[in-house]
PDBML (XML) file of the C-alpha atoms, coordinates in Angstrom:
<?xml version="1.0" encoding="UTF-8" ?>
<PDBx:datablock datablockName="MODEL"
   xmlns:PDBx="http://pdbml.pdb.org/schema/pdbx-v50.xsd"
   xmlns:xsi="http://www.w3.org/2001/XMLSchema-instance"
   xsi:schemaLocation="http://pdbml.pdb.org/schema/pdbx-v50.xsd pdbx-v50.xsd">
   <PDBx:atom_siteCategory>
      <PDBx:atom_site id="1">
         <PDBx:B_iso_or_equiv>0.00</PDBx:B_iso_or_equiv>
         <PDBx:Cartn_x>290.661</PDBx:Cartn_x>
         <PDBx:Cartn_y>101.431</PDBx:Cartn_y>
         <PDBx:Cartn_z>101.271</PDBx:Cartn_z>
         <PDBx:auth_asym_id>A</PDBx:auth_asym_id>
         <PDBx:auth_atom_id>CA</PDBx:auth_atom_id>
         <PDBx:auth_comp_id>ARG</PDBx:auth_comp_id>
         <PDBx:auth_seq_id>1</PDBx:auth_seq_id>
         <PDBx:group_PDB>ATOM</PDBx:group_PDB>
         <PDBx:label_alt_id xsi:nil="true" />
         <PDBx:label_asym_id>A</PDBx:label_asym_id>
         <PDBx:label_atom_id>CA</PDBx:label_atom_id>
         <PDBx:label_comp_id>ARG</PDBx:label_comp_id>
         <PDBx:label_entity_id>1</PDBx:label_entity_id>
         <PDBx:label_seq_id>1</PDBx:label_seq_id>
         <PDBx:occupancy>1.00</PDBx:occupancy>
         <PDBx:pdbx_PDB_model_num>1</PDBx:pdbx_PDB_model_num>
         <PDBx:type_symbol>C</PDBx:type_symbol>
      </PDBx:atom_site>
      <PDBx:atom_site id="2">
         <PDBx:B_iso_or_equiv>0.00</PDBx:B_iso_or_equiv>
         <PDBx:Cartn_x>290.200</PDBx:Cartn_x>
         <PDBx:Cartn_y>101.771</PDBx:Cartn_y>
         <PDBx:Cartn_z>97.508</PDBx:Cartn_z>
         <PDBx:auth_asym_id>A</PDBx:auth_asym_id>
         <PDBx:auth_atom_id>CA</PDBx:auth_atom_id>
         <PDBx:auth_comp_id>ARG</PDBx:auth_comp_id>
         <PDBx:auth_seq_id>2</PDBx:auth_seq_id>
         <PDBx:group_PDB>ATOM</PDBx:group_PDB>
         <PDBx:label_alt_id xsi:nil="true" />
         <PDBx:label_asym_id>A</PDBx:label_asym_id>
         <PDBx:label_atom_id>CA</PDBx:label_atom_id>
         <PDBx:label_comp_id>ARG</PDBx:label_comp_id>
         <PDBx:label_entity_id>1</PDBx:label_entity_id>
         <PDBx:label_seq_id>2</PDBx:label_seq_id>
         <PDBx:occupancy>1.00</PDBx:occupancy>
         <PDBx:pdbx_PDB_model_num>1</PDBx:pdbx_PDB_model_num>
         <PDBx:type_symbol>C</PDBx:type_symbol>
      </PDBx:atom_site>
      <PDBx:atom_site id="3">
         <PDBx:B_iso_or_equiv>0.00</PDBx:B_iso_or_equiv>
         <PDBx:Cartn_x>292.257</PDBx:Cartn_x>
         <PDBx:Cartn_y>104.965</PDBx:Cartn_y>
         <PDBx:Cartn_z>97.591</PDBx:Cartn_z>
         <PDBx:auth_asym_id>A</PDBx:auth_asym_id>
         <PDBx:auth_atom_id>CA</PDBx:auth_atom_id>
         <PDBx:auth_comp_id>ARG</PDBx:auth_comp_id>
         <PDBx:auth_seq_id>3</PDBx:auth_seq_id>
         <PDBx:group_PDB>ATOM</PDBx:group_PDB>
         <PDBx:label_alt_id xsi:nil="true" />
         <PDBx:label_asym_id>A</PDBx:label_asym_id>
         <PDBx:label_atom_id>CA</PDBx:label_atom_id>
         <PDBx:label_comp_id>ARG</PDBx:label_comp_id>
         <PDBx:label_entity_id>1</PDBx:label_entity_id>
         <PDBx:label_seq_id>3</PDBx:label_seq_id>
         <PDBx:occupancy>1.00</PDBx:occupancy>
         <PDBx:pdbx_PDB_model_num>1</PDBx:pdbx_PDB_model_num>
         <PDBx:type_symbol>C</PDBx:type_symbol>
      </PDBx:atom_site>
      <PDBx:atom_site id="4">
         <PDBx:B_iso_or_equiv>0.00</PDBx:B_iso_or_equiv>
         <PDBx:Cartn_x>295.203</PDBx:Cartn_x>
         <PDBx:Cartn_y>103.038</PDBx:Cartn_y>
         <PDBx:Cartn_z>98.948</PDBx:Cartn_z>
         <PDBx:auth_asym_id>A</PDBx:auth_asym_id>
         <PDBx:auth_atom_id>CA</PDBx:auth_atom_id>
         <PDBx:auth_comp_id>GLY</PDBx:auth_comp_id>
         <PDBx:auth_seq_id>4</PDBx:auth_seq_id>
         <PDBx:group_PDB>ATOM</PDBx:group_PDB>
         <PDBx:label_alt_id xsi:nil="true" />
         <PDBx:label_asym_id>A</PDBx:label_asym_id>
         <PDBx:label_atom_id>CA</PDBx:label_atom_id>
         <PDBx:label_comp_id>GLY</PDBx:label_comp_id>
         <PDBx:label_entity_id>1</PDBx:label_entity_id>
         <PDBx:label_seq_id>4</PDBx:label_seq_id>
         <PDBx:occupancy>1.00</PDBx:occupancy>
         <PDBx:pdbx_PDB_model_num>1</PDBx:pdbx_PDB_model_num>
         <PDBx:type_symbol>C</PDBx:type_symbol>
      </PDBx:atom_site>
      <PDBx:atom_site id="5">
         <PDBx:B_iso_or_equiv>0.00</PDBx:B_iso_or_equiv>
         <PDBx:Cartn_x>298.700</PDBx:Cartn_x>
         <PDBx:Cartn_y>104.510</PDBx:Cartn_y>
         <PDBx:Cartn_z>99.011</PDBx:Cartn_z>
         <PDBx:auth_asym_id>A</PDBx:auth_asym_id>
         <PDBx:auth_atom_id>CA</PDBx:auth_atom_id>
         <PDBx:auth_comp_id>PHE</PDBx:auth_comp_id>
         <PDBx:auth_seq_id>5</PDBx:auth_seq_id>
         <PDBx:group_PDB>ATOM</PDBx:group_PDB>
         <PDBx:label_alt_id xsi:nil="true" />
         <PDBx:label_asym_id>A</PDBx:label_asym_id>
         <PDBx:label_atom_id>CA</PDBx:label_atom_id>
         <PDBx:label_comp_id>PHE</PDBx:label_comp_id>
         <PDBx:label_entity_id>1</PDBx:label_entity_id>
         <PDBx:label_seq_id>5</PDBx:label_seq_id>
         <PDBx:occupancy>1.00</PDBx:occupancy>
         <PDBx:pdbx_PDB_model_num>1</PDBx:pdbx_PDB_model_num>
         <PDBx:type_symbol>C</PDBx:type_symbol>
      </PDBx:atom_site>
      <PDBx:atom_site id="6">
         <PDBx:B_iso_or_equiv>0.00</PDBx:B_iso_or_equiv>
         <PDBx:Cartn_x>301.368</PDBx:Cartn_x>
         <PDBx:Cartn_y>105.447</PDBx:Cartn_y>
         <PDBx:Cartn_z>96.540</PDBx:Cartn_z>
         <PDBx:auth_asym_id>A</PDBx:auth_asym_id>
         <PDBx:auth_atom_id>CA</PDBx:auth_atom_id>
         <PDBx:auth_comp_id>ASP</PDBx:auth_comp_id>
         <PDBx:auth_seq_id>6</PDBx:auth_seq_id>
         <PDBx:group_PDB>ATOM</PDBx:group_PDB>
         <PDBx:label_alt_id xsi:nil="true" />
         <PDBx:label_asym_id>A</PDBx:label_asym_id>
         <PDBx:label_atom_id>CA</PDBx:label_atom_id>
         <PDBx:label_comp_id>ASP</PDBx:label_comp_id>
         <PDBx:label_entity_id>1</PDBx:label_entity_id>
         <PDBx:label_seq_id>6</PDBx:label_seq_id>
         <PDBx:occupancy>1.00</PDBx:occupancy>
         <PDBx:pdbx_PDB_model_num>1</PDBx:pdbx_PDB_model_num>
         <PDBx:type_symbol>C</PDBx:type_symbol>
      </PDBx:atom_site>
      <PDBx:atom_site id="7">
         <PDBx:B_iso_or_equiv>0.00</PDBx:B_iso_or_equiv>
         <PDBx:Cartn_x>304.229</PDBx:Cartn_x>
         <PDBx:Cartn_y>103.446</PDBx:Cartn_y>
         <PDBx:Cartn_z>98.016</PDBx:Cartn_z>
         <PDBx:auth_asym_id>A</PDBx:auth_asym_id>
         <PDBx:auth_atom_id>CA</PDBx:auth_atom_id>
         <PDBx:auth_comp_id>LEU</PDBx:auth_comp_id>
         <PDBx:auth_seq_id>7</PDBx:auth_seq_id>
         <PDBx:group_PDB>ATOM</PDBx:group_PDB>
         <PDBx:label_alt_id xsi:nil="true" />
         <PDBx:label_asym_id>A</PDBx:label_asym_id>
         <PDBx:label_atom_id>CA</PDBx:label_atom_id>
         <PDBx:label_comp_id>LEU</PDBx:label_comp_id>
         <PDBx:label_entity_id>1</PDBx:label_entity_id>
         <PDBx:label_seq_id>7</PDBx:label_seq_id>
         <PDBx:occupancy>1.00</PDBx:occupancy>
         <PDBx:pdbx_PDB_model_num>1</PDBx:pdbx_PDB_model_num>
         <PDBx:type_symbol>C</PDBx:type_symbol>
      </PDBx:atom_site>
      <PDBx:atom_site id="8">
         <PDBx:B_iso_or_equiv>0.00</PDBx:B_iso_or_equiv>
         <PDBx:Cartn_x>306.737</PDBx:Cartn_x>
         <PDBx:Cartn_y>105.790</PDBx:Cartn_y>
         <PDBx:Cartn_z>96.414</PDBx:Cartn_z>
         <PDBx:auth_asym_id>A</PDBx:auth_asym_id>
         <PDBx:auth_atom_id>CA</PDBx:auth_atom_id>
         <PDBx:auth_comp_id>ALA</PDBx:auth_comp_id>
         <PDBx:auth_seq_id>8</PDBx:auth_seq_id>
         <PDBx:group_PDB>ATOM</PDBx:group_PDB>
         <PDBx:label_alt_id xsi:nil="true" />
         <PDBx:label_asym_id>A</PDBx:label_asym_id>
         <PDBx:label_atom_id>CA</PDBx:label_atom_id>
         <PDBx:label_comp_id>ALA</PDBx:label_comp_id>
         <PDBx:label_entity_id>1</PDBx:label_entity_id>
         <PDBx:label_seq_id>8</PDBx:label_seq_id>
         <PDBx:occupancy>1.00</PDBx:occupancy>
         <PDBx:pdbx_PDB_model_num>1</PDBx:pdbx_PDB_model_num>
         <PDBx:type_symbol>C</PDBx:type_symbol>
      </PDBx:atom_site>
      <PDBx:atom_site id="9">
         <PDBx:B_iso_or_equiv>0.00</PDBx:B_iso_or_equiv>
         <PDBx:Cartn_x>305.587</PDBx:Cartn_x>
         <PDBx:Cartn_y>108.758</PDBx:Cartn_y>
         <PDBx:Cartn_z>98.519</PDBx:Cartn_z>
         <PDBx:auth_asym_id>A</PDBx:auth_asym_id>
         <PDBx:auth_atom_id>CA</PDBx:auth_atom_id>
         <PDBx:auth_comp_id>HIS</PDBx:auth_comp_id>
         <PDBx:auth_seq_id>9</PDBx:auth_seq_id>
         <PDBx:group_PDB>ATOM</PDBx:group_PDB>
         <PDBx:label_alt_id xsi:nil="true" />
         <PDBx:label_asym_id>A</PDBx:label_asym_id>
         <PDBx:label_atom_id>CA</PDBx:label_atom_id>
         <PDBx:label_comp_id>HIS</PDBx:label_comp_id>
         <PDBx:label_entity_id>1</PDBx:label_entity_id>
         <PDBx:label_seq_id>9</PDBx:label_seq_id>
         <PDBx:occupancy>1.00</PDBx:occupancy>
         <PDBx:pdbx_PDB_model_num>1</PDBx:pdbx_PDB_model_num>
         <PDBx:type_symbol>C</PDBx:type_symbol>
      </PDBx:atom_site>
      <PDBx:atom_site id="10">
         <PDBx:B_iso_or_equiv>0.00</PDBx:B_iso_or_equiv>
         <PDBx:Cartn_x>305.645</PDBx:Cartn_x>
         <PDBx:Cartn_y>109.199</PDBx:Cartn_y>
         <PDBx:Cartn_z>102.293</PDBx:Cartn_z>
         <PDBx:auth_asym_id>A</PDBx:auth_asym_id>
         <PDBx:auth_atom_id>CA</PDBx:auth_atom_id>
         <PDBx:auth_comp_id>ALA</PDBx:auth_comp_id>
         <PDBx:auth_seq_id>10</PDBx:auth_seq_id>
         <PDBx:group_PDB>ATOM</PDBx:group_PDB>
         <PDBx:label_alt_id xsi:nil="true" />
         <PDBx:label_asym_id>A</PDBx:label_asym_id>
         <PDBx:label_atom_id>CA</PDBx:label_atom_id>
         <PDBx:label_comp_id>ALA</PDBx:label_comp_id>
         <PDBx:label_entity_id>1</PDBx:label_entity_id>
         <PDBx:label_seq_id>10</PDBx:label_seq_id>
         <PDBx:occupancy>1.00</PDBx:occupancy>
         <PDBx:pdbx_PDB_model_num>1</PDBx:pdbx_PDB_model_num>
         <PDBx:type_symbol>C</PDBx:type_symbol>
      </PDBx:atom_site>
      <PDBx:atom_site id="11">
         <PDBx:B_iso_or_equiv>0.00</PDBx:B_iso_or_equiv>
         <PDBx:Cartn_x>303.861</PDBx:Cartn_x>
         <PDBx:Cartn_y>109.127</PDBx:Cartn_y>
         <PDBx:Cartn_z>104.613</PDBx:Cartn_z>
         <PDBx:auth_asym_id>A</PDBx:auth_asym_id>
         <PDBx:auth_atom_id>CA</PDBx:auth_atom_id>
         <PDBx:auth_comp_id>PRO</PDBx:auth_comp_id>
         <PDBx:auth_seq_id>11</PDBx:auth_seq_id>
         <PDBx:group_PDB>ATOM</PDBx:group_PDB>
         <PDBx:label_alt_id xsi:nil="true" />
         <PDBx:label_asym_id>A</PDBx:label_asym_id>
         <PDBx:label_atom_id>CA</PDBx:label_atom_id>
         <PDBx:label_comp_id>PRO</PDBx:label_comp_id>
         <PDBx:label_entity_id>1</PDBx:label_entity_id>
         <PDBx:label_seq_id>11</PDBx:label_seq_id>
         <PDBx:occupancy>1.00</PDBx:occupancy>
         <PDBx:pdbx_PDB_model_num>1</PDBx:pdbx_PDB_model_num>
         <PDBx:type_symbol>C</PDBx:type_symbol>
      </PDBx:atom_site>
      <PDBx:atom_site id="12">
         <PDBx:B_iso_or_equiv>0.00</PDBx:B_iso_or_equiv>
         <PDBx:Cartn_x>302.167</PDBx:Cartn_x>
         <PDBx:Cartn_y>105.772</PDBx:Cartn_y>
         <PDBx:Cartn_z>104.148</PDBx:Cartn_z>
         <PDBx:auth_asym_id>A</PDBx:auth_asym_id>
         <PDBx:auth_atom_id>CA</PDBx:auth_atom_id>
         <PDBx:auth_comp_id>LEU</PDBx:auth_comp_id>
         <PDBx:auth_seq_id>12</PDBx:auth_seq_id>
         <PDBx:group_PDB>ATOM</PDBx:group_PDB>
         <PDBx:label_alt_id xsi:nil="true" />
         <PDBx:label_asym_id>A</PDBx:label_asym_id>
         <PDBx:label_atom_id>CA</PDBx:label_atom_id>
         <PDBx:label_comp_id>LEU</PDBx:label_comp_id>
         <PDBx:label_entity_id>1</PDBx:label_entity_id>
         <PDBx:label_seq_id>12</PDBx:label_seq_id>
         <PDBx:occupancy>1.00</PDBx:occupancy>
         <PDBx:pdbx_PDB_model_num>1</PDBx:pdbx_PDB_model_num>
         <PDBx:type_symbol>C</PDBx:type_symbol>
      </PDBx:atom_site>
      <PDBx:atom_site id="13">
         <PDBx:B_iso_or_equiv>0.00</PDBx:B_iso_or_equiv>
         <PDBx:Cartn_x>299.512</PDBx:Cartn_x>
         <PDBx:Cartn_y>106.525</PDBx:Cartn_y>
         <PDBx:Cartn_z>106.745</PDBx:Cartn_z>
         <PDBx:auth_asym_id>A</PDBx:auth_asym_id>
         <PDBx:auth_atom_id>CA</PDBx:auth_atom_id>
         <PDBx:auth_comp_id>PHE</PDBx:auth_comp_id>
         <PDBx:auth_seq_id>13</PDBx:auth_seq_id>
         <PDBx:group_PDB>ATOM</PDBx:group_PDB>
         <PDBx:label_alt_id xsi:nil="true" />
         <PDBx:label_asym_id>A</PDBx:label_asym_id>
         <PDBx:label_atom_id>CA</PDBx:label_atom_id>
         <PDBx:label_comp_id>PHE</PDBx:label_comp_id>
         <PDBx:label_entity_id>1</PDBx:label_entity_id>
         <PDBx:label_seq_id>13</PDBx:label_seq_id>
         <PDBx:occupancy>1.00</PDBx:occupancy>
         <PDBx:pdbx_PDB_model_num>1</PDBx:pdbx_PDB_model_num>
         <PDBx:type_symbol>C</PDBx:type_symbol>
      </PDBx:atom_site>
      <PDBx:atom_site id="14">
         <PDBx:B_iso_or_equiv>0.00</PDBx:B_iso_or_equiv>
         <PDBx:Cartn_x>296.749</PDBx:Cartn_x>
         <PDBx:Cartn_y>109.075</PDBx:Cartn_y>
         <PDBx:Cartn_z>107.309</PDBx:Cartn_z>
         <PDBx:auth_asym_id>A</PDBx:auth_asym_id>
         <PDBx:auth_atom_id>CA</PDBx:auth_atom_id>
         <PDBx:auth_comp_id>ARG</PDBx:auth_comp_id>
         <PDBx:auth_seq_id>14</PDBx:auth_seq_id>
         <PDBx:group_PDB>ATOM</PDBx:group_PDB>
         <PDBx:label_alt_id xsi:nil="true" />
         <PDBx:label_asym_id>A</PDBx:label_asym_id>
         <PDBx:label_atom_id>CA</PDBx:label_atom_id>
         <PDBx:label_comp_id>ARG</PDBx:label_comp_id>
         <PDBx:label_entity_id>1</PDBx:label_entity_id>
         <PDBx:label_seq_id>14</PDBx:label_seq_id>
         <PDBx:occupancy>1.00</PDBx:occupancy>
         <PDBx:pdbx_PDB_model_num>1</PDBx:pdbx_PDB_model_num>
         <PDBx:type_symbol>C</PDBx:type_symbol>
      </PDBx:atom_site>
      <PDBx:atom_site id="15">
         <PDBx:B_iso_or_equiv>0.00</PDBx:B_iso_or_equiv>
         <PDBx:Cartn_x>294.071</PDBx:Cartn_x>
         <PDBx:Cartn_y>109.989</PDBx:Cartn_y>
         <PDBx:Cartn_z>109.838</PDBx:Cartn_z>
         <PDBx:auth_asym_id>A</PDBx:auth_asym_id>
         <PDBx:auth_atom_id>CA</PDBx:auth_atom_id>
         <PDBx:auth_comp_id>LEU</PDBx:auth_comp_id>
         <PDBx:auth_seq_id>15</PDBx:auth_seq_id>
         <PDBx:group_PDB>ATOM</PDBx:group_PDB>
         <PDBx:label_alt_id xsi:nil="true" />
         <PDBx:label_asym_id>A</PDBx:label_asym_id>
         <PDBx:label_atom_id>CA</PDBx:label_atom_id>
         <PDBx:label_comp_id>LEU</PDBx:label_comp_id>
         <PDBx:label_entity_id>1</PDBx:label_entity_id>
         <PDBx:label_seq_id>15</PDBx:label_seq_id>
         <PDBx:occupancy>1.00</PDBx:occupancy>
         <PDBx:pdbx_PDB_model_num>1</PDBx:pdbx_PDB_model_num>
         <PDBx:type_symbol>C</PDBx:type_symbol>
      </PDBx:atom_site>
      <PDBx:atom_site id="16">
         <PDBx:B_iso_or_equiv>0.00</PDBx:B_iso_or_equiv>
         <PDBx:Cartn_x>290.464</PDBx:Cartn_x>
         <PDBx:Cartn_y>111.101</PDBx:Cartn_y>
         <PDBx:Cartn_z>109.752</PDBx:Cartn_z>
         <PDBx:auth_asym_id>A</PDBx:auth_asym_id>
         <PDBx:auth_atom_id>CA</PDBx:auth_atom_id>
         <PDBx:auth_comp_id>ALA</PDBx:auth_comp_id>
         <PDBx:auth_seq_id>16</PDBx:auth_seq_id>
         <PDBx:group_PDB>ATOM</PDBx:group_PDB>
         <PDBx:label_alt_id xsi:nil="true" />
         <PDBx:label_asym_id>A</PDBx:label_asym_id>
         <PDBx:label_atom_id>CA</PDBx:label_atom_id>
         <PDBx:label_comp_id>ALA</PDBx:label_comp_id>
         <PDBx:label_entity_id>1</PDBx:label_entity_id>
         <PDBx:label_seq_id>16</PDBx:label_seq_id>
         <PDBx:occupancy>1.00</PDBx:occupancy>
         <PDBx:pdbx_PDB_model_num>1</PDBx:pdbx_PDB_model_num>
         <PDBx:type_symbol>C</PDBx:type_symbol>
      </PDBx:atom_site>
      <PDBx:atom_site id="17">
         <PDBx:B_iso_or_equiv>0.00</PDBx:B_iso_or_equiv>
         <PDBx:Cartn_x>288.528</PDBx:Cartn_x>
         <PDBx:Cartn_y>112.492</PDBx:Cartn_y>
         <PDBx:Cartn_z>112.715</PDBx:Cartn_z>
         <PDBx:auth_asym_id>A</PDBx:auth_asym_id>
         <PDBx:auth_atom_id>CA</PDBx:auth_atom_id>
         <PDBx:auth_comp_id>ILE</PDBx:auth_comp_id>
         <PDBx:auth_seq_id>17</PDBx:auth_seq_id>
         <PDBx:group_PDB>ATOM</PDBx:group_PDB>
         <PDBx:label_alt_id xsi:nil="true" />
         <PDBx:label_asym_id>A</PDBx:label_asym_id>
         <PDBx:label_atom_id>CA</PDBx:label_atom_id>
         <PDBx:label_comp_id>ILE</PDBx:label_comp_id>
         <PDBx:label_entity_id>1</PDBx:label_entity_id>
         <PDBx:label_seq_id>17</PDBx:label_seq_id>
         <PDBx:occupancy>1.00</PDBx:occupancy>
         <PDBx:pdbx_PDB_model_num>1</PDBx:pdbx_PDB_model_num>
         <PDBx:type_symbol>C</PDBx:type_symbol>
      </PDBx:atom_site>
      <PDBx:atom_site id="18">
         <PDBx:B_iso_or_equiv>0.00</PDBx:B_iso_or_equiv>
         <PDBx:Cartn_x>284.727</PDBx:Cartn_x>
         <PDBx:Cartn_y>112.595</PDBx:Cartn_y>
         <PDBx:Cartn_z>112.664</PDBx:Cartn_z>
         <PDBx:auth_asym_id>A</PDBx:auth_asym_id>
         <PDBx:auth_atom_id>CA</PDBx:auth_atom_id>
         <PDBx:auth_comp_id>PHE</PDBx:auth_comp_id>
         <PDBx:auth_seq_id>18</PDBx:auth_seq_id>
         <PDBx:group_PDB>ATOM</PDBx:group_PDB>
         <PDBx:label_alt_id xsi:nil="true" />
         <PDBx:label_asym_id>A</PDBx:label_asym_id>
         <PDBx:label_atom_id>CA</PDBx:label_atom_id>
         <PDBx:label_comp_id>PHE</PDBx:label_comp_id>
         <PDBx:label_entity_id>1</PDBx:label_entity_id>
         <PDBx:label_seq_id>18</PDBx:label_seq_id>
         <PDBx:occupancy>1.00</PDBx:occupancy>
         <PDBx:pdbx_PDB_model_num>1</PDBx:pdbx_PDB_model_num>
         <PDBx:type_symbol>C</PDBx:type_symbol>
      </PDBx:atom_site>
      <PDBx:atom_site id="19">
         <PDBx:B_iso_or_equiv>0.00</PDBx:B_iso_or_equiv>
         <PDBx:Cartn_x>282.933</PDBx:Cartn_x>
         <PDBx:Cartn_y>114.416</PDBx:Cartn_y>
         <PDBx:Cartn_z>115.465</PDBx:Cartn_z>
         <PDBx:auth_asym_id>A</PDBx:auth_asym_id>
         <PDBx:auth_atom_id>CA</PDBx:auth_atom_id>
         <PDBx:auth_comp_id>ARG</PDBx:auth_comp_id>
         <PDBx:auth_seq_id>19</PDBx:auth_seq_id>
         <PDBx:group_PDB>ATOM</PDBx:group_PDB>
         <PDBx:label_alt_id xsi:nil="true" />
         <PDBx:label_asym_id>A</PDBx:label_asym_id>
         <PDBx:label_atom_id>CA</PDBx:label_atom_id>
         <PDBx:label_comp_id>ARG</PDBx:label_comp_id>
         <PDBx:label_entity_id>1</PDBx:label_entity_id>
         <PDBx:label_seq_id>19</PDBx:label_seq_id>
         <PDBx:occupancy>1.00</PDBx:occupancy>
         <PDBx:pdbx_PDB_model_num>1</PDBx:pdbx_PDB_model_num>
         <PDBx:type_symbol>C</PDBx:type_symbol>
      </PDBx:atom_site>
      <PDBx:atom_site id="20">
         <PDBx:B_iso_or_equiv>0.00</PDBx:B_iso_or_equiv>
         <PDBx:Cartn_x>279.787</PDBx:Cartn_x>
         <PDBx:Cartn_y>112.377</PDBx:Cartn_y>
         <PDBx:Cartn_z>116.135</PDBx:Cartn_z>
         <PDBx:auth_asym_id>A</PDBx:auth_asym_id>
         <PDBx:auth_atom_id>CA</PDBx:auth_atom_id>
         <PDBx:auth_comp_id>VAL</PDBx:auth_comp_id>
         <PDBx:auth_seq_id>20</PDBx:auth_seq_id>
         <PDBx:group_PDB>ATOM</PDBx:group_PDB>
         <PDBx:label_alt_id xsi:nil="true" />
         <PDBx:label_asym_id>A</PDBx:label_asym_id>
         <PDBx:label_atom_id>CA</PDBx:label_atom_id>
         <PDBx:label_comp_id>VAL</PDBx:label_comp_id>
         <PDBx:label_entity_id>1</PDBx:label_entity_id>
         <PDBx:label_seq_id>20</PDBx:label_seq_id>
         <PDBx:occupancy>1.00</PDBx:occupancy>
         <PDBx:pdbx_PDB_model_num>1</PDBx:pdbx_PDB_model_num>
         <PDBx:type_symbol>C</PDBx:type_symbol>
      </PDBx:atom_site>
      <PDBx:atom_site id="21">
         <PDBx:B_iso_or_equiv>0.00</PDBx:B_iso_or_equiv>
         <PDBx:Cartn_x>278.491</PDBx:Cartn_x>
         <PDBx:Cartn_y>114.050</PDBx:Cartn_y>
         <PDBx:Cartn_z>119.326</PDBx:Cartn_z>
         <PDBx:auth_asym_id>A</PDBx:auth_asym_id>
         <PDBx:auth_atom_id>CA</PDBx:auth_atom_id>
         <PDBx:auth_comp_id>ALA</PDBx:auth_comp_id>
         <PDBx:auth_seq_id>21</PDBx:auth_seq_id>
         <PDBx:group_PDB>ATOM</PDBx:group_PDB>
         <PDBx:label_alt_id xsi:nil="true" />
         <PDBx:label_asym_id>A</PDBx:label_asym_id>
         <PDBx:label_atom_id>CA</PDBx:label_atom_id>
         <PDBx:label_comp_id>ALA</PDBx:label_comp_id>
         <PDBx:label_entity_id>1</PDBx:label_entity_id>
         <PDBx:label_seq_id>21</PDBx:label_seq_id>
         <PDBx:occupancy>1.00</PDBx:occupancy>
         <PDBx:pdbx_PDB_model_num>1</PDBx:pdbx_PDB_model_num>
         <PDBx:type_symbol>C</PDBx:type_symbol>
      </PDBx:atom_site>
      <PDBx:atom_site id="22">
         <PDBx:B_iso_or_equiv>0.00</PDBx:B_iso_or_equiv>
         <PDBx:Cartn_x>279.506</PDBx:Cartn_x>
         <PDBx:Cartn_y>116.514</PDBx:Cartn_y>
         <PDBx:Cartn_z>121.974</PDBx:Cartn_z>
         <PDBx:auth_asym_id>A</PDBx:auth_asym_id>
         <PDBx:auth_atom_id>CA</PDBx:auth_atom_id>
         <PDBx:auth_comp_id>THR</PDBx:auth_comp_id>
         <PDBx:auth_seq_id>22</PDBx:auth_seq_id>
         <PDBx:group_PDB>ATOM</PDBx:group_PDB>
         <PDBx:label_alt_id xsi:nil="true" />
         <PDBx:label_asym_id>A</PDBx:label_asym_id>
         <PDBx:label_atom_id>CA</PDBx:label_atom_id>
         <PDBx:label_comp_id>THR</PDBx:label_comp_id>
         <PDBx:label_entity_id>1</PDBx:label_entity_id>
         <PDBx:label_seq_id>22</PDBx:label_seq_id>
         <PDBx:occupancy>1.00</PDBx:occupancy>
         <PDBx:pdbx_PDB_model_num>1</PDBx:pdbx_PDB_model_num>
         <PDBx:type_symbol>C</PDBx:type_symbol>
      </PDBx:atom_site>
      <PDBx:atom_site id="23">
         <PDBx:B_iso_or_equiv>0.00</PDBx:B_iso_or_equiv>
         <PDBx:Cartn_x>282.558</PDBx:Cartn_x>
         <PDBx:Cartn_y>114.912</PDBx:Cartn_y>
         <PDBx:Cartn_z>123.513</PDBx:Cartn_z>
         <PDBx:auth_asym_id>A</PDBx:auth_asym_id>
         <PDBx:auth_atom_id>CA</PDBx:auth_atom_id>
         <PDBx:auth_comp_id>GLY</PDBx:auth_comp_id>
         <PDBx:auth_seq_id>23</PDBx:auth_seq_id>
         <PDBx:group_PDB>ATOM</PDBx:group_PDB>
         <PDBx:label_alt_id xsi:nil="true" />
         <PDBx:label_asym_id>A</PDBx:label_asym_id>
         <PDBx:label_atom_id>CA</PDBx:label_atom_id>
         <PDBx:label_comp_id>GLY</PDBx:label_comp_id>
         <PDBx:label_entity_id>1</PDBx:label_entity_id>
         <PDBx:label_seq_id>23</PDBx:label_seq_id>
         <PDBx:occupancy>1.00</PDBx:occupancy>
         <PDBx:pdbx_PDB_model_num>1</PDBx:pdbx_PDB_model_num>
         <PDBx:type_symbol>C</PDBx:type_symbol>
      </PDBx:atom_site>
      <PDBx:atom_site id="24">
         <PDBx:B_iso_or_equiv>0.00</PDBx:B_iso_or_equiv>
         <PDBx:Cartn_x>282.642</PDBx:Cartn_x>
         <PDBx:Cartn_y>111.977</PDBx:Cartn_y>
         <PDBx:Cartn_z>121.073</PDBx:Cartn_z>
         <PDBx:auth_asym_id>A</PDBx:auth_asym_id>
         <PDBx:auth_atom_id>CA</PDBx:auth_atom_id>
         <PDBx:auth_comp_id>ALA</PDBx:auth_comp_id>
         <PDBx:auth_seq_id>24</PDBx:auth_seq_id>
         <PDBx:group_PDB>ATOM</PDBx:group_PDB>
         <PDBx:label_alt_id xsi:nil="true" />
         <PDBx:label_asym_id>A</PDBx:label_asym_id>
         <PDBx:label_atom_id>CA</PDBx:label_atom_id>
         <PDBx:label_comp_id>ALA</PDBx:label_comp_id>
         <PDBx:label_entity_id>1</PDBx:label_entity_id>
         <PDBx:label_seq_id>24</PDBx:label_seq_id>
         <PDBx:occupancy>1.00</PDBx:occupancy>
         <PDBx:pdbx_PDB_model_num>1</PDBx:pdbx_PDB_model_num>
         <PDBx:type_symbol>C</PDBx:type_symbol>
      </PDBx:atom_site>
      <PDBx:atom_site id="25">
         <PDBx:B_iso_or_equiv>0.00</PDBx:B_iso_or_equiv>
         <PDBx:Cartn_x>284.901</PDBx:Cartn_x>
         <PDBx:Cartn_y>111.456</PDBx:Cartn_y>
         <PDBx:Cartn_z>118.043</PDBx:Cartn_z>
         <PDBx:auth_asym_id>A</PDBx:auth_asym_id>
         <PDBx:auth_atom_id>CA</PDBx:auth_atom_id>
         <PDBx:auth_comp_id>TYR</PDBx:auth_comp_id>
         <PDBx:auth_seq_id>25</PDBx:auth_seq_id>
         <PDBx:group_PDB>ATOM</PDBx:group_PDB>
         <PDBx:label_alt_id xsi:nil="true" />
         <PDBx:label_asym_id>A</PDBx:label_asym_id>
         <PDBx:label_atom_id>CA</PDBx:label_atom_id>
         <PDBx:label_comp_id>TYR</PDBx:label_comp_id>
         <PDBx:label_entity_id>1</PDBx:label_entity_id>
         <PDBx:label_seq_id>25</PDBx:label_seq_id>
         <PDBx:occupancy>1.00</PDBx:occupancy>
         <PDBx:pdbx_PDB_model_num>1</PDBx:pdbx_PDB_model_num>
         <PDBx:type_symbol>C</PDBx:type_symbol>
      </PDBx:atom_site>
   </PDBx:atom_siteCategory>
</PDBx:datablock>
């Protein structure tokens, strides 16, 4: 959240995937 976005550069979204168990993300 603190990182935020530079509104002058696309894309204005991102994803993170954390594998927490076998068959669970």
